[in-house]
């Protein structure tokens, strides 16, 4: 039991489960917009279960798929699988259990969420192989997180409203943009081993401009979302704060200085998602 617990803790550290904060607040935003306020605790609870389970399955599967690649990359060679801290079998079992928990959560929500569960799983798992075939794997990762608000809407309503797809597009551009920046760290390694990425294809300076354009696109999508749902000044203030945080994120790193990439990637992006959810939820709840 002690060994099982230790391996589970190491797995959770490996997949950085606490970074569920990236997509979860956007899923909760979709749920609040769908319900016109707070959804029931039952629905909210199963949405959270599905989000955490899907991300856990995707991240653990990614570590399995990339184990040999990680071993060859100095930046990732000490991850649990290439370092031998975890076995492939244990991580594969973790993936299976996470998928089962996700499917259970989808079944507990409504029929459409269950029917679409395989589609969601296909998207979040497929990302792990995209860098082998396309330089735009960042967009696939963006889609994997971006489906969260639309999925949450379906969980609440049992149907899809095209308006919430705008938020999916915004999250896709946001995640895709910061993943382009994050990939700059592996520019030399990716070129050496033949892995695809925007920095590998276009160079680091161009990659920064592409990421900036994607984040501008995100902000435009968020402004459109405000109009589509008739949200007010509080929600727009949230968009303004997101813009300021993105500007700061881009100011602390540059093509010639990637030293603060972890602060930009992990800390600020977690703050961005929480801030946006908080202001949109406050705007919706104030109108009730």
C-alpha atoms as a PDB file:
ATOM      1  CA  UNK A   1       0.000   0.000   0.000  1.00  0.00           C
ATOM      2  CA  UNK A   2       2.847   2.377   0.812  1.00  0.00           C
ATOM      3  CA  UNK A   3       4.406   1.734  -2.594  1.00  0.00           C
ATOM      4  CA  UNK A   4       1.045   2.254  -4.325  1.00  0.00           C
ATOM      5  CA  UNK A   5       0.514   5.544  -2.502  1.00  0.00           C
ATOM      6  CA  UNK A   6       4.024   6.731  -3.295  1.00  0.00           C
ATOM      7  CA  UNK A   7       3.621   5.896  -6.995  1.00  0.00           C
ATOM      8  CA  UNK A   8       0.270   7.698  -7.082  1.00  0.00           C
ATOM      9  CA  UNK A   9       1.780  10.816  -5.507  1.00  0.00           C
ATOM     10  CA  UNK A  10       4.682  10.746  -7.971  1.00  0.00           C
ATOM     11  CA  UNK A  11       2.214  10.363 -10.856  1.00  0.00           C
ATOM     12  CA  UNK A  12       0.177  13.355  -9.687  1.00  0.00           C
ATOM     13  CA  UNK A  13       3.379  15.379  -9.431  1.00  0.00           C
ATOM     14  CA  UNK A  14       4.445  14.214 -12.888  1.00  0.00           C
ATOM     15  CA  UNK A  15       1.204  15.316 -14.550  1.00  0.00           C
ATOM     16  CA  UNK A  16       1.069  18.490 -12.439  1.00  0.00           C
ATOM     17  CA  UNK A  17      -2.570  17.862 -11.592  1.00  0.00           C
ATOM     18  CA  UNK A  18      -2.818  21.249  -9.876  1.00  0.00           C
ATOM     19  CA  UNK A  19      -2.563  22.819 -13.332  1.00  0.00           C
ATOM     20  CA  UNK A  20      -6.151  21.726 -13.937  1.00  0.00           C
ATOM     21  CA  UNK A  21      -6.666  25.369 -12.951  1.00  0.00           C
ATOM     22  CA  UNK A  22      -5.816  26.298 -16.555  1.00  0.00           C
ATOM     23  CA  UNK A  23      -8.996  24.889 -18.096  1.00  0.00           C
ATOM     24  CA  UNK A  24     -11.305  24.340 -15.123  1.00  0.00           C
ATOM     25  CA  UNK A  25     -12.254  28.014 -14.610  1.00  0.00           C
ATOM     26  CA  UNK A  26     -13.203  28.274 -18.295  1.00  0.00           C
ATOM     27  CA  UNK A  27     -15.355  25.155 -17.929  1.00  0.00           C
ATOM     28  CA  UNK A  28     -17.012  26.744 -14.913  1.00  0.00           C
ATOM     29  CA  UNK A  29     -17.546  29.916 -16.963  1.00  0.00           C
ATOM     30  CA  UNK A  30     -19.387  27.848 -19.565  1.00  0.00           C
ATOM     31  CA  UNK A  31     -21.475  26.241 -16.837  1.00  0.00           C
ATOM     32  CA  UNK A  32     -22.410  29.584 -15.251  1.00  0.00           C
ATOM     33  CA  UNK A  33     -23.354  31.080 -18.618  1.00  0.00           C
ATOM     34  CA  UNK A  34     -25.460  28.016 -19.459  1.00  0.00           C
ATOM     35  CA  UNK A  35     -27.292  28.089 -16.139  1.00  0.00           C
ATOM     36  CA  UNK A  36     -27.624  31.871 -15.979  1.00  0.00           C
ATOM     37  CA  UNK A  37     -26.120  31.547 -12.497  1.00  0.00           C
ATOM     38  CA  UNK A  38     -24.764  28.648 -10.484  1.00  0.00           C
ATOM     39  CA  UNK A  39     -25.699  25.195 -11.783  1.00  0.00           C
ATOM     40  CA  UNK A  40     -26.820  22.639  -9.224  1.00  0.00           C
ATOM     41  CA  UNK A  41     -24.125  21.236  -6.939  1.00  0.00           C
ATOM     42  CA  UNK A  42     -24.622  17.803  -8.485  1.00  0.00           C
ATOM     43  CA  UNK A  43     -23.953  19.050 -12.010  1.00  0.00           C
ATOM     44  CA  UNK A  44     -21.100  21.266 -10.855  1.00  0.00           C
ATOM     45  CA  UNK A  45     -19.479  18.370  -9.011  1.00  0.00           C
ATOM     46  CA  UNK A  46     -19.598  16.008 -11.979  1.00  0.00           C
ATOM     47  CA  UNK A  47     -18.253  18.715 -14.311  1.00  0.00           C
ATOM     48  CA  UNK A  48     -15.245  19.086 -12.010  1.00  0.00           C
ATOM     49  CA  UNK A  49     -14.788  15.310 -11.884  1.00  0.00           C
ATOM     50  CA  UNK A  50     -14.859  15.110 -15.687  1.00  0.00           C
ATOM     51  CA  UNK A  51     -12.433  17.988 -16.112  1.00  0.00           C
ATOM     52  CA  UNK A  52      -9.840  16.692 -13.655  1.00  0.00           C
ATOM     53  CA  UNK A  53     -10.172  13.093 -14.889  1.00  0.00           C
ATOM     54  CA  UNK A  54      -9.860  14.021 -18.566  1.00  0.00           C
ATOM     55  CA  UNK A  55      -6.820  16.194 -17.973  1.00  0.00           C
ATOM     56  CA  UNK A  56      -5.202  13.554 -15.759  1.00  0.00           C
ATOM     57  CA  UNK A  57      -5.724  10.898 -18.446  1.00  0.00           C
ATOM     58  CA  UNK A  58      -4.362  13.187 -21.154  1.00  0.00           C
ATOM     59  CA  UNK A  59      -1.256  14.246 -19.227  1.00  0.00           C
ATOM     60  CA  UNK A  60      -0.378  10.745 -18.066  1.00  0.00           C
ATOM     61  CA  UNK A  61      -0.911   9.406 -21.597  1.00  0.00           C
ATOM     62  CA  UNK A  62       1.316  12.191 -22.914  1.00  0.00           C
ATOM     63  CA  UNK A  63       4.095  11.192 -20.533  1.00  0.00           C
ATOM     64  CA  UNK A  64       3.801   7.584 -21.724  1.00  0.00           C
ATOM     65  CA  UNK A  65       3.826   8.560 -25.392  1.00  0.00           C
ATOM     66  CA  UNK A  66       6.794  10.905 -24.907  1.00  0.00           C
ATOM     67  CA  UNK A  67       8.870   8.801 -22.514  1.00  0.00           C
ATOM     68  CA  UNK A  68      11.635   8.090 -25.033  1.00  0.00           C
ATOM     69  CA  UNK A  69      11.555  11.656 -26.359  1.00  0.00           C
ATOM     70  CA  UNK A  70      11.769  13.025 -22.818  1.00  0.00           C
ATOM     71  CA  UNK A  71      14.747  10.790 -22.072  1.00  0.00           C
ATOM     72  CA  UNK A  72      16.646  12.303 -25.011  1.00  0.00           C
ATOM     73  CA  UNK A  73      15.866  15.902 -24.025  1.00  0.00           C
ATOM     74  CA  UNK A  74      18.074  17.380 -21.263  1.00  0.00           C
ATOM     75  CA  UNK A  75      15.184  19.581 -20.082  1.00  0.00           C
ATOM     76  CA  UNK A  76      12.868  16.589 -19.505  1.00  0.00           C
ATOM     77  CA  UNK A  77      15.237  13.673 -18.898  1.00  0.00           C
ATOM     78  CA  UNK A  78      14.546  13.673 -15.148  1.00  0.00           C
ATOM     79  CA  UNK A  79      10.791  13.247 -15.494  1.00  0.00           C
ATOM     80  CA  UNK A  80       9.497  10.212 -13.622  1.00  0.00           C
ATOM     81  CA  UNK A  81       9.219   7.769 -16.531  1.00  0.00           C
ATOM     82  CA  UNK A  82      12.581   8.344 -18.256  1.00  0.00           C
ATOM     83  CA  UNK A  83      14.231   8.535 -14.825  1.00  0.00           C
ATOM     84  CA  UNK A  84      12.736   5.165 -13.861  1.00  0.00           C
ATOM     85  CA  UNK A  85      10.818   6.487 -10.838  1.00  0.00           C
ATOM     86  CA  UNK A  86       7.569   5.147 -12.297  1.00  0.00           C
ATOM     87  CA  UNK A  87       6.829   2.114 -14.473  1.00  0.00           C
ATOM     88  CA  UNK A  88       4.982   2.265 -17.770  1.00  0.00           C
ATOM     89  CA  UNK A  89       2.474  -0.246 -16.418  1.00  0.00           C
ATOM     90  CA  UNK A  90       1.550   1.877 -13.413  1.00  0.00           C
ATOM     91  CA  UNK A  91       1.076   5.006 -15.502  1.00  0.00           C
ATOM     92  CA  UNK A  92      -0.980   3.062 -18.074  1.00  0.00           C
ATOM     93  CA  UNK A  93      -3.214   1.837 -15.250  1.00  0.00           C
ATOM     94  CA  UNK A  94      -3.577   5.426 -14.040  1.00  0.00           C
ATOM     95  CA  UNK A  95      -4.677   6.444 -17.556  1.00  0.00           C
ATOM     96  CA  UNK A  96      -7.299   3.682 -17.680  1.00  0.00           C
ATOM     97  CA  UNK A  97      -8.711   4.605 -14.263  1.00  0.00           C
ATOM     98  CA  UNK A  98      -8.834   8.309 -15.204  1.00  0.00           C
ATOM     99  CA  UNK A  99     -10.665   7.508 -18.442  1.00  0.00           C
ATOM    100  CA  UNK A 100     -13.152   5.323 -16.568  1.00  0.00           C
ATOM    101  CA  UNK A 101     -13.787   8.116 -14.068  1.00  0.00           C
ATOM    102  CA  UNK A 102     -14.304  10.580 -16.919  1.00  0.00           C
ATOM    103  CA  UNK A 103     -16.820   8.306 -18.647  1.00  0.00           C
ATOM    104  CA  UNK A 104     -18.645   7.759 -15.340  1.00  0.00           C
ATOM    105  CA  UNK A 105     -18.865  11.515 -14.826  1.00  0.00           C
ATOM    106  CA  UNK A 106     -20.168  12.025 -18.367  1.00  0.00           C
ATOM    107  CA  UNK A 107     -22.799   9.329 -17.826  1.00  0.00           C
ATOM    108  CA  UNK A 108     -23.947  11.008 -14.615  1.00  0.00           C
ATOM    109  CA  UNK A 109     -24.542  14.313 -16.410  1.00  0.00           C
ATOM    110  CA  UNK A 110     -26.766  13.585 -19.401  1.00  0.00           C
ATOM    111  CA  UNK A 111     -27.065  11.433 -22.498  1.00  0.00           C
ATOM    112  CA  UNK A 112     -25.309  13.853 -24.861  1.00  0.00           C
ATOM    113  CA  UNK A 113     -22.281  14.229 -22.604  1.00  0.00           C
ATOM    114  CA  UNK A 114     -21.947  10.438 -22.542  1.00  0.00           C
ATOM    115  CA  UNK A 115     -22.333  10.154 -26.319  1.00  0.00           C
ATOM    116  CA  UNK A 116     -19.667  12.814 -26.871  1.00  0.00           C
ATOM    117  CA  UNK A 117     -17.254  11.426 -24.262  1.00  0.00           C
ATOM    118  CA  UNK A 118     -15.295   9.355 -26.850  1.00  0.00           C
ATOM    119  CA  UNK A 119     -14.917  12.457 -29.037  1.00  0.00           C
ATOM    120  CA  UNK A 120     -13.535  14.473 -26.126  1.00  0.00           C
ATOM    121  CA  UNK A 121     -11.140  11.659 -25.213  1.00  0.00           C
ATOM    122  CA  UNK A 122      -9.954  11.368 -28.814  1.00  0.00           C
ATOM    123  CA  UNK A 123      -9.099  15.067 -28.880  1.00  0.00           C
ATOM    124  CA  UNK A 124      -7.268  15.190 -25.545  1.00  0.00           C
ATOM    125  CA  UNK A 125      -5.297  11.989 -26.194  1.00  0.00           C
ATOM    126  CA  UNK A 126      -4.455  12.724 -29.829  1.00  0.00           C
ATOM    127  CA  UNK A 127      -2.388  15.747 -28.876  1.00  0.00           C
ATOM    128  CA  UNK A 128       0.392  13.489 -27.612  1.00  0.00           C
ATOM    129  CA  UNK A 129       1.256  12.439 -31.170  1.00  0.00           C
ATOM    130  CA  UNK A 130       0.675  15.710 -33.013  1.00  0.00           C
ATOM    131  CA  UNK A 131       4.237  17.038 -32.654  1.00  0.00           C
ATOM    132  CA  UNK A 132       5.343  14.055 -34.725  1.00  0.00           C
ATOM    133  CA  UNK A 133       3.175  15.037 -37.691  1.00  0.00           C
ATOM    134  CA  UNK A 134       2.470  18.784 -37.644  1.00  0.00           C
ATOM    135  CA  UNK A 135       4.057  22.044 -36.522  1.00  0.00           C
ATOM    136  CA  UNK A 136       0.610  23.141 -35.332  1.00  0.00           C
ATOM    137  CA  UNK A 137       0.323  20.684 -32.448  1.00  0.00           C
ATOM    138  CA  UNK A 138      -0.131  23.774 -30.249  1.00  0.00           C
ATOM    139  CA  UNK A 139      -3.546  24.314 -31.820  1.00  0.00           C
ATOM    140  CA  UNK A 140      -4.573  20.744 -31.007  1.00  0.00           C
ATOM    141  CA  UNK A 141      -3.561  21.316 -27.387  1.00  0.00           C
ATOM    142  CA  UNK A 142      -5.603  24.523 -27.469  1.00  0.00           C
ATOM    143  CA  UNK A 143      -8.613  22.582 -28.727  1.00  0.00           C
ATOM    144  CA  UNK A 144      -8.135  19.944 -26.027  1.00  0.00           C
ATOM    145  CA  UNK A 145      -8.544  22.618 -23.348  1.00  0.00           C
ATOM    146  CA  UNK A 146     -10.866  24.786 -25.410  1.00  0.00           C
ATOM    147  CA  UNK A 147     -13.658  22.210 -25.563  1.00  0.00           C
ATOM    148  CA  UNK A 148     -14.049  22.574 -21.780  1.00  0.00           C
ATOM    149  CA  UNK A 149     -16.559  25.490 -21.777  1.00  0.00           C
ATOM    150  CA  UNK A 150     -18.616  23.955 -24.580  1.00  0.00           C
ATOM    151  CA  UNK A 151     -18.604  20.599 -22.792  1.00  0.00           C
ATOM    152  CA  UNK A 152     -19.706  22.288 -19.569  1.00  0.00           C
ATOM    153  CA  UNK A 153     -22.533  24.029 -21.438  1.00  0.00           C
ATOM    154  CA  UNK A 154     -23.714  20.658 -22.750  1.00  0.00           C
ATOM    155  CA  UNK A 155     -23.455  19.237 -19.230  1.00  0.00           C
ATOM    156  CA  UNK A 156     -25.857  21.916 -17.954  1.00  0.00           C
ATOM    157  CA  UNK A 157     -28.219  22.251 -20.926  1.00  0.00           C
ATOM    158  CA  UNK A 158     -28.020  18.862 -22.648  1.00  0.00           C
ATOM    159  CA  UNK A 159     -27.496  20.693 -25.949  1.00  0.00           C
ATOM    160  CA  UNK A 160     -24.989  23.058 -27.569  1.00  0.00           C
ATOM    161  CA  UNK A 161     -25.437  26.785 -28.185  1.00  0.00           C
ATOM    162  CA  UNK A 162     -23.180  28.178 -30.921  1.00  0.00           C
ATOM    163  CA  UNK A 163     -22.422  31.231 -28.779  1.00  0.00           C
ATOM    164  CA  UNK A 164     -20.348  29.222 -26.301  1.00  0.00           C
ATOM    165  CA  UNK A 165     -18.154  27.992 -29.158  1.00  0.00           C
ATOM    166  CA  UNK A 166     -16.718  31.538 -29.210  1.00  0.00           C
ATOM    167  CA  UNK A 167     -15.300  30.879 -25.749  1.00  0.00           C
ATOM    168  CA  UNK A 168     -13.902  27.575 -27.018  1.00  0.00           C
ATOM    169  CA  UNK A 169     -12.149  29.507 -29.796  1.00  0.00           C
ATOM    170  CA  UNK A 170     -10.794  32.029 -27.276  1.00  0.00           C
ATOM    171  CA  UNK A 171      -9.345  29.289 -25.059  1.00  0.00           C
ATOM    172  CA  UNK A 172      -7.890  27.530 -28.115  1.00  0.00           C
ATOM    173  CA  UNK A 173      -6.003  30.695 -29.099  1.00  0.00           C
ATOM    174  CA  UNK A 174      -4.918  31.397 -25.529  1.00  0.00           C
ATOM    175  CA  UNK A 175      -3.536  27.912 -24.897  1.00  0.00           C
ATOM    176  CA  UNK A 176      -2.092  27.594 -28.383  1.00  0.00           C
ATOM    177  CA  UNK A 177      -0.293  30.908 -27.945  1.00  0.00           C
ATOM    178  CA  UNK A 178       1.341  30.113 -24.642  1.00  0.00           C
ATOM    179  CA  UNK A 179       2.248  26.602 -25.831  1.00  0.00           C
ATOM    180  CA  UNK A 180       4.048  28.171 -28.814  1.00  0.00           C
ATOM    181  CA  UNK A 181       6.043  30.250 -26.322  1.00  0.00           C
ATOM    182  CA  UNK A 182       6.749  27.243 -24.111  1.00  0.00           C
ATOM    183  CA  UNK A 183       8.021  25.247 -27.094  1.00  0.00           C
ATOM    184  CA  UNK A 184      10.720  27.860 -27.671  1.00  0.00           C
ATOM    185  CA  UNK A 185      12.661  26.210 -24.848  1.00  0.00           C
ATOM    186  CA  UNK A 186      13.070  23.070 -26.977  1.00  0.00           C
ATOM    187  CA  UNK A 187      13.926  24.843 -30.226  1.00  0.00           C
ATOM    188  CA  UNK A 188      17.398  23.349 -30.628  1.00  0.00           C
ATOM    189  CA  UNK A 189      16.383  19.879 -29.448  1.00  0.00           C
ATOM    190  CA  UNK A 190      13.319  19.723 -31.705  1.00  0.00           C
ATOM    191  CA  UNK A 191      15.373  20.686 -34.761  1.00  0.00           C
ATOM    192  CA  UNK A 192      17.998  18.113 -33.877  1.00  0.00           C
ATOM    193  CA  UNK A 193      15.588  15.171 -33.501  1.00  0.00           C
ATOM    194  CA  UNK A 194      13.033  16.255 -36.119  1.00  0.00           C
ATOM    195  CA  UNK A 195      10.063  17.077 -33.895  1.00  0.00           C
ATOM    196  CA  UNK A 196       7.578  19.624 -35.205  1.00  0.00           C
ATOM    197  CA  UNK A 197       6.649  22.916 -33.575  1.00  0.00           C
ATOM    198  CA  UNK A 198       6.064  26.518 -34.571  1.00  0.00           C
ATOM    199  CA  UNK A 199       9.464  27.627 -33.168  1.00  0.00           C
ATOM    200  CA  UNK A 200      11.190  24.726 -34.940  1.00  0.00           C
ATOM    201  CA  UNK A 201       9.512  25.629 -38.233  1.00  0.00           C
ATOM    202  CA  UNK A 202       9.714  29.419 -38.175  1.00  0.00           C
ATOM    203  CA  UNK A 203      12.320  30.320 -35.572  1.00  0.00           C
ATOM    204  CA  UNK A 204      11.939  31.748 -32.073  1.00  0.00           C
ATOM    205  CA  UNK A 205      11.409  35.387 -33.063  1.00  0.00           C
ATOM    206  CA  UNK A 206       8.618  34.501 -35.493  1.00  0.00           C
ATOM    207  CA  UNK A 207       7.120  32.169 -32.898  1.00  0.00           C
ATOM    208  CA  UNK A 208       6.832  35.065 -30.450  1.00  0.00           C
ATOM    209  CA  UNK A 209       4.932  37.117 -33.037  1.00  0.00           C
ATOM    210  CA  UNK A 210       2.620  34.190 -33.782  1.00  0.00           C
ATOM    211  CA  UNK A 211       1.917  33.762 -30.064  1.00  0.00           C
ATOM    212  CA  UNK A 212       1.193  37.480 -29.731  1.00  0.00           C
ATOM    213  CA  UNK A 213      -1.226  37.336 -32.652  1.00  0.00           C
ATOM    214  CA  UNK A 214      -3.001  34.351 -31.105  1.00  0.00           C
ATOM    215  CA  UNK A 215      -3.403  36.178 -27.816  1.00  0.00           C
ATOM    216  CA  UNK A 216      -4.765  39.264 -29.542  1.00  0.00           C
ATOM    217  CA  UNK A 217      -7.225  36.935 -31.267  1.00  0.00           C
ATOM    218  CA  UNK A 218      -8.189  35.526 -27.883  1.00  0.00           C
ATOM    219  CA  UNK A 219      -8.995  38.992 -26.557  1.00  0.00           C
ATOM    220  CA  UNK A 220     -11.126  39.761 -29.618  1.00  0.00           C
ATOM    221  CA  UNK A 221     -13.042  36.517 -29.075  1.00  0.00           C
ATOM    222  CA  UNK A 222     -13.639  37.411 -25.433  1.00  0.00           C
ATOM    223  CA  UNK A 223     -15.001  40.820 -26.452  1.00  0.00           C
ATOM    224  CA  UNK A 224     -17.318  39.099 -28.923  1.00  0.00           C
ATOM    225  CA  UNK A 225     -18.436  36.735 -26.157  1.00  0.00           C
ATOM    226  CA  UNK A 226     -19.377  39.739 -23.995  1.00  0.00           C
ATOM    227  CA  UNK A 227     -21.626  41.015 -26.770  1.00  0.00           C
ATOM    228  CA  UNK A 228     -23.212  37.653 -27.556  1.00  0.00           C
ATOM    229  CA  UNK A 229     -24.252  37.096 -23.944  1.00  0.00           C
ATOM    230  CA  UNK A 230     -25.055  40.714 -23.178  1.00  0.00           C
ATOM    231  CA  UNK A 231     -22.566  40.817 -20.324  1.00  0.00           C
ATOM    232  CA  UNK A 232     -21.865  44.081 -18.574  1.00  0.00           C
ATOM    233  CA  UNK A 233     -19.070  46.225 -17.189  1.00  0.00           C
ATOM    234  CA  UNK A 234     -17.920  43.744 -14.549  1.00  0.00           C
ATOM    235  CA  UNK A 235     -17.282  41.051 -17.150  1.00  0.00           C
ATOM    236  CA  UNK A 236     -15.611  43.574 -19.458  1.00  0.00           C
ATOM    237  CA  UNK A 237     -13.363  44.597 -16.571  1.00  0.00           C
ATOM    238  CA  UNK A 238     -12.353  40.953 -16.378  1.00  0.00           C
ATOM    239  CA  UNK A 239     -11.417  40.989 -20.059  1.00  0.00           C
ATOM    240  CA  UNK A 240      -9.381  44.135 -19.461  1.00  0.00           C
ATOM    241  CA  UNK A 241      -7.499  42.463 -16.622  1.00  0.00           C
ATOM    242  CA  UNK A 242      -6.845  39.428 -18.808  1.00  0.00           C
ATOM    243  CA  UNK A 243      -5.372  41.772 -21.436  1.00  0.00           C
ATOM    244  CA  UNK A 244      -3.098  43.372 -18.828  1.00  0.00           C
ATOM    245  CA  UNK A 245      -1.941  39.954 -17.563  1.00  0.00           C
ATOM    246  CA  UNK A 246      -1.192  38.797 -21.105  1.00  0.00           C
ATOM    247  CA  UNK A 247       0.759  41.984 -21.755  1.00  0.00           C
ATOM    248  CA  UNK A 248       2.778  41.384 -18.600  1.00  0.00           C
ATOM    249  CA  UNK A 249       3.315  37.741 -19.567  1.00  0.00           C
ATOM    250  CA  UNK A 250       4.808  38.812 -22.890  1.00  0.00           C
ATOM    251  CA  UNK A 251       6.905  41.515 -21.226  1.00  0.00           C
ATOM    252  CA  UNK A 252       8.832  39.178 -18.910  1.00  0.00           C
ATOM    253  CA  UNK A 253      10.116  36.886 -21.672  1.00  0.00           C
ATOM    254  CA  UNK A 254      11.661  37.584 -25.047  1.00  0.00           C
ATOM    255  CA  UNK A 255      13.242  35.607 -27.898  1.00  0.00           C
ATOM    256  CA  UNK A 256      16.622  36.267 -26.287  1.00  0.00           C
ATOM    257  CA  UNK A 257      15.587  35.662 -22.671  1.00  0.00           C
ATOM    258  CA  UNK A 258      13.430  32.646 -21.782  1.00  0.00           C
ATOM    259  CA  UNK A 259      14.533  32.442 -18.150  1.00  0.00           C
ATOM    260  CA  UNK A 260      11.133  33.426 -16.744  1.00  0.00           C
ATOM    261  CA  UNK A 261       9.163  31.063 -18.958  1.00  0.00           C
ATOM    262  CA  UNK A 262       7.847  28.998 -16.045  1.00  0.00           C
ATOM    263  CA  UNK A 263       6.468  32.104 -14.349  1.00  0.00           C
ATOM    264  CA  UNK A 264       4.792  33.181 -17.583  1.00  0.00           C
ATOM    265  CA  UNK A 265       3.522  29.715 -18.447  1.00  0.00           C
ATOM    266  CA  UNK A 266       2.321  28.340 -15.136  1.00  0.00           C
ATOM    267  CA  UNK A 267       1.690  31.168 -12.679  1.00  0.00           C
ATOM    268  CA  UNK A 268       0.274  33.890 -14.924  1.00  0.00           C
ATOM    269  CA  UNK A 269      -1.896  31.616 -17.040  1.00  0.00           C
ATOM    270  CA  UNK A 270      -3.447  30.116 -13.944  1.00  0.00           C
ATOM    271  CA  UNK A 271      -4.229  33.638 -12.715  1.00  0.00           C
ATOM    272  CA  UNK A 272      -5.711  34.582 -16.112  1.00  0.00           C
ATOM    273  CA  UNK A 273      -8.255  31.748 -16.116  1.00  0.00           C
ATOM    274  CA  UNK A 274      -9.310  32.353 -12.506  1.00  0.00           C
ATOM    275  CA  UNK A 275      -9.647  36.118 -12.997  1.00  0.00           C
ATOM    276  CA  UNK A 276     -11.771  35.732 -16.111  1.00  0.00           C
ATOM    277  CA  UNK A 277     -14.099  33.232 -14.461  1.00  0.00           C
ATOM    278  CA  UNK A 278     -14.437  35.335 -11.338  1.00  0.00           C
ATOM    279  CA  UNK A 279     -15.475  38.496 -13.167  1.00  0.00           C
ATOM    280  CA  UNK A 280     -17.844  36.758 -15.588  1.00  0.00           C
ATOM    281  CA  UNK A 281     -19.489  34.798 -12.765  1.00  0.00           C
ATOM    282  CA  UNK A 282     -19.868  37.984 -10.722  1.00  0.00           C
ATOM    283  CA  UNK A 283     -21.474  39.764 -13.679  1.00  0.00           C
ATOM    284  CA  UNK A 284     -23.942  36.925 -14.281  1.00  0.00           C
ATOM    285  CA  UNK A 285     -24.831  36.530 -10.615  1.00  0.00           C
ATOM    286  CA  UNK A 286     -25.345  40.287 -10.139  1.00  0.00           C
ATOM    287  CA  UNK A 287     -27.986  40.203 -12.864  1.00  0.00           C
ATOM    288  CA  UNK A 288     -30.104  37.530 -11.191  1.00  0.00           C
END
